């Protein structure tokens, strides 16, 4: 029907597409849960998810597909072999976009419940640990940056390396011909 054989390259394309397919539906579901947590009803949350993210996800899908165009339309023997990579990724990503835009909001209206309010607004231990590490890393980076100008010796700005290596044998030929050699060249 489509002319796509199930070979290693097609299975590799399915693996690539699988990772990309999940992202669109997760984005839609997350947008719906966020709006439900803010107090919207299910239909308003689904409408918000569609209205806000549908065209952005379509643009991301098309850009990803465009990255596989050179592989799919290569005019060579390898291009004939790898066309299935392009075709499988394209079909899977377009189907993923339709599922994320049409079916995920419908299923969200039927299944999702508004999340419960959090008991405390204090961040958890994972967030506190990450914030401590991030603060330490940024301070260490700034300290290292302030030490770099002192640690690196200054070099003369007008020093230019010769265009040829020193062992270049033309210098003797140049001297015989009366021309200055590269070894006698000095920057001005």
Protein backbone atom coordinates (compact mmCIF):
# COMPACT_ATOMS: atom_id res chain seq x y z
CA UNK A 1 0.00 0.00 0.00
CA UNK A 2 2.64 2.57 1.00
CA UNK A 3 5.70 0.73 -0.28
CA UNK A 4 7.46 0.91 3.09
CA UNK A 5 9.18 -2.35 3.94
CA UNK A 6 9.72 -3.23 7.58
CA UNK A 7 13.48 -3.24 7.67
CA UNK A 8 16.04 -1.95 10.13
CA UNK A 9 15.84 1.62 8.88
CA UNK A 10 12.05 1.64 9.25
CA UNK A 11 12.26 0.23 12.75
CA UNK A 12 14.84 2.91 13.60
CA UNK A 13 12.44 5.53 12.28
CA UNK A 14 9.69 4.14 14.49
CA UNK A 15 11.96 4.44 17.52
CA UNK A 16 12.79 8.06 16.62
CA UNK A 17 9.15 8.88 15.98
CA UNK A 18 8.00 7.21 19.20
CA UNK A 19 10.04 9.62 21.30
CA UNK A 20 8.67 12.56 19.34
CA UNK A 21 5.07 11.33 19.32
CA UNK A 22 4.64 11.33 23.08
CA UNK A 23 5.62 14.98 23.42
CA UNK A 24 2.54 16.52 21.74
CA UNK A 25 -0.01 14.61 23.81
CA UNK A 26 1.90 15.38 27.01
CA UNK A 27 1.88 19.09 26.19
CA UNK A 28 -1.87 19.07 25.61
CA UNK A 29 -2.56 17.12 28.80
CA UNK A 30 -0.30 19.36 30.86
CA UNK A 31 -2.01 22.49 29.53
CA UNK A 32 -5.39 21.03 30.44
CA UNK A 33 -4.26 20.07 33.96
CA UNK A 34 -2.82 23.54 34.51
CA UNK A 35 -6.09 25.18 33.52
CA UNK A 36 -8.09 22.75 35.65
CA UNK A 37 -5.89 23.64 38.61
CA UNK A 38 -6.62 27.33 37.98
CA UNK A 39 -10.36 26.65 38.25
CA UNK A 40 -11.52 26.28 34.64
CA UNK A 41 -14.03 23.59 33.79
CA UNK A 42 -12.99 20.66 31.58
CA UNK A 43 -14.34 22.05 28.30
CA UNK A 44 -12.67 25.43 28.81
CA UNK A 45 -9.40 23.69 29.68
CA UNK A 46 -9.58 21.54 26.53
CA UNK A 47 -10.41 24.58 24.39
CA UNK A 48 -7.48 26.49 25.90
CA UNK A 49 -5.09 23.61 25.19
CA UNK A 50 -6.21 23.43 21.56
CA UNK A 51 -6.27 27.18 20.98
CA UNK A 52 -2.90 27.80 22.61
CA UNK A 53 -0.78 24.85 21.48
CA UNK A 54 -2.25 23.40 18.25
CA UNK A 55 -0.42 25.63 15.80
CA UNK A 56 2.79 25.70 17.84
CA UNK A 57 2.85 21.89 17.90
CA UNK A 58 2.09 21.82 14.16
CA UNK A 59 5.02 24.13 13.50
CA UNK A 60 7.30 21.92 15.61
CA UNK A 61 6.07 18.84 13.79
CA UNK A 62 6.67 20.38 10.37
CA UNK A 63 10.15 21.58 11.33
CA UNK A 64 11.04 18.09 12.53
CA UNK A 65 9.72 16.61 9.30
CA UNK A 66 11.72 19.18 7.32
CA UNK A 67 14.86 17.88 9.02
CA UNK A 68 14.25 14.48 7.43
CA UNK A 69 13.54 15.82 3.90
CA UNK A 70 17.18 15.57 2.72
CA UNK A 71 17.28 11.95 3.87
CA UNK A 72 13.97 11.16 2.20
CA UNK A 73 14.62 12.74 -1.15
CA UNK A 74 18.30 12.00 -1.68
CA UNK A 75 18.83 11.09 -5.32
CA UNK A 76 21.04 8.06 -4.76
CA UNK A 77 20.94 4.43 -3.86
CA UNK A 78 21.17 5.34 -0.20
CA UNK A 79 18.23 7.72 -0.69
CA UNK A 80 16.09 4.87 -1.96
CA UNK A 81 17.02 2.86 1.09
CA UNK A 82 16.46 5.66 3.61
CA UNK A 83 13.21 7.01 2.12
CA UNK A 84 11.34 4.78 4.55
CA UNK A 85 12.97 6.70 7.42
CA UNK A 86 11.47 9.94 6.12
CA UNK A 87 8.09 8.36 5.35
CA UNK A 88 7.69 6.62 8.71
CA UNK A 89 8.71 9.70 10.73
CA UNK A 90 6.40 11.93 8.67
CA UNK A 91 3.38 9.66 9.00
CA UNK A 92 3.96 9.09 12.70
CA UNK A 93 4.42 12.78 13.52
CA UNK A 94 1.39 13.94 11.55
CA UNK A 95 -0.71 11.23 13.23
CA UNK A 96 0.72 12.26 16.60
CA UNK A 97 -0.27 15.87 16.00
CA UNK A 98 -3.84 14.87 15.11
CA UNK A 99 -4.08 12.70 18.23
CA UNK A 100 -2.73 15.48 20.43
CA UNK A 101 -4.99 18.14 18.95
CA UNK A 102 -8.22 16.16 18.53
CA UNK A 103 -8.27 13.10 20.75
CA UNK A 104 -6.23 14.19 23.78
CA UNK A 105 -8.60 17.08 24.59
CA UNK A 106 -11.65 14.83 24.11
CA UNK A 107 -10.19 12.16 26.37
CA UNK A 108 -9.14 14.86 28.83
CA UNK A 109 -12.72 16.09 29.10
CA UNK A 110 -13.87 12.53 29.80
CA UNK A 111 -11.06 11.36 32.10
CA UNK A 112 -9.18 14.21 33.78
CA UNK A 113 -10.10 15.51 37.20
CA UNK A 114 -8.98 18.82 38.65
CA UNK A 115 -5.79 18.28 40.67
CA UNK A 116 -6.02 18.60 44.42
CA UNK A 117 -4.58 21.73 45.97
CA UNK A 118 -1.14 21.28 47.46
CA UNK A 119 -0.96 21.11 51.26
CA UNK A 120 2.00 23.48 51.60
CA UNK A 121 3.65 25.96 49.35
CA UNK A 122 7.14 25.01 50.58
CA UNK A 123 9.30 23.40 47.91
CA UNK A 124 10.19 19.73 48.31
CA UNK A 125 13.61 18.34 49.14
CA UNK A 126 14.47 17.67 45.50
CA UNK A 127 13.82 21.28 44.53
CA UNK A 128 15.73 22.60 47.55
CA UNK A 129 18.71 20.35 46.76
CA UNK A 130 18.69 21.39 43.11
CA UNK A 131 18.43 25.09 44.00
CA UNK A 132 21.37 24.76 46.44
CA UNK A 133 23.49 23.02 43.79
CA UNK A 134 22.55 25.55 41.12
CA UNK A 135 23.40 28.49 43.40
CA UNK A 136 26.76 26.90 44.23
CA UNK A 137 27.53 26.24 40.54
CA UNK A 138 26.72 29.82 39.52
CA UNK A 139 28.87 31.27 42.29
CA UNK A 140 31.75 28.93 41.38
CA UNK A 141 31.43 29.96 37.72
CA UNK A 142 31.63 33.64 38.65
CA UNK A 143 34.66 32.97 40.87
CA UNK A 144 36.37 31.02 38.09
CA UNK A 145 35.59 33.77 35.60
CA UNK A 146 37.13 36.40 37.87
CA UNK A 147 40.33 34.31 38.19
CA UNK A 148 40.85 33.71 34.48
CA UNK A 149 42.26 37.14 33.52
CA UNK A 150 44.84 36.89 36.31
CA UNK A 151 45.85 33.32 35.48
CA UNK A 152 46.30 33.72 31.71
CA UNK A 153 49.48 35.63 30.79
CA UNK A 154 49.03 38.43 28.33
CA UNK A 155 50.42 37.87 24.86
CA UNK A 156 51.61 40.57 22.49
CA UNK A 157 48.78 41.52 20.20
CA UNK A 158 50.91 41.98 17.08
CA UNK A 159 52.64 38.60 17.07
CA UNK A 160 51.80 36.71 13.91
CA UNK A 161 52.86 33.16 13.23
CA UNK A 162 54.52 32.54 9.88
CA UNK A 163 52.30 31.00 7.24
CA UNK A 164 54.60 28.02 6.74
CA UNK A 165 56.37 25.72 9.19
CA UNK A 166 59.99 26.46 10.14
CA UNK A 167 61.23 23.27 8.56
CA UNK A 168 59.98 24.39 5.18
CA UNK A 169 62.79 23.86 2.70
CA UNK A 170 62.08 26.89 0.46
CA UNK A 171 64.05 29.19 2.79
CA UNK A 172 67.34 27.93 1.35
CA UNK A 173 65.97 28.26 -2.17
CA UNK A 174 64.80 31.80 -1.41
CA UNK A 175 68.22 32.79 -0.07
CA UNK A 176 69.93 31.47 -3.19
CA UNK A 177 67.58 33.49 -5.37
CA UNK A 178 68.22 36.66 -3.34
CA UNK A 179 64.73 36.85 -1.87
CA UNK A 180 64.12 37.15 1.86
CA UNK A 181 63.18 33.85 3.49
CA UNK A 182 60.30 33.22 5.85
CA UNK A 183 62.77 32.85 8.73
CA UNK A 184 63.98 36.39 8.34
CA UNK A 185 60.46 37.76 8.39
CA UNK A 186 59.62 39.81 11.48
CA UNK A 187 56.30 41.42 12.40
CA UNK A 188 56.23 45.20 12.19
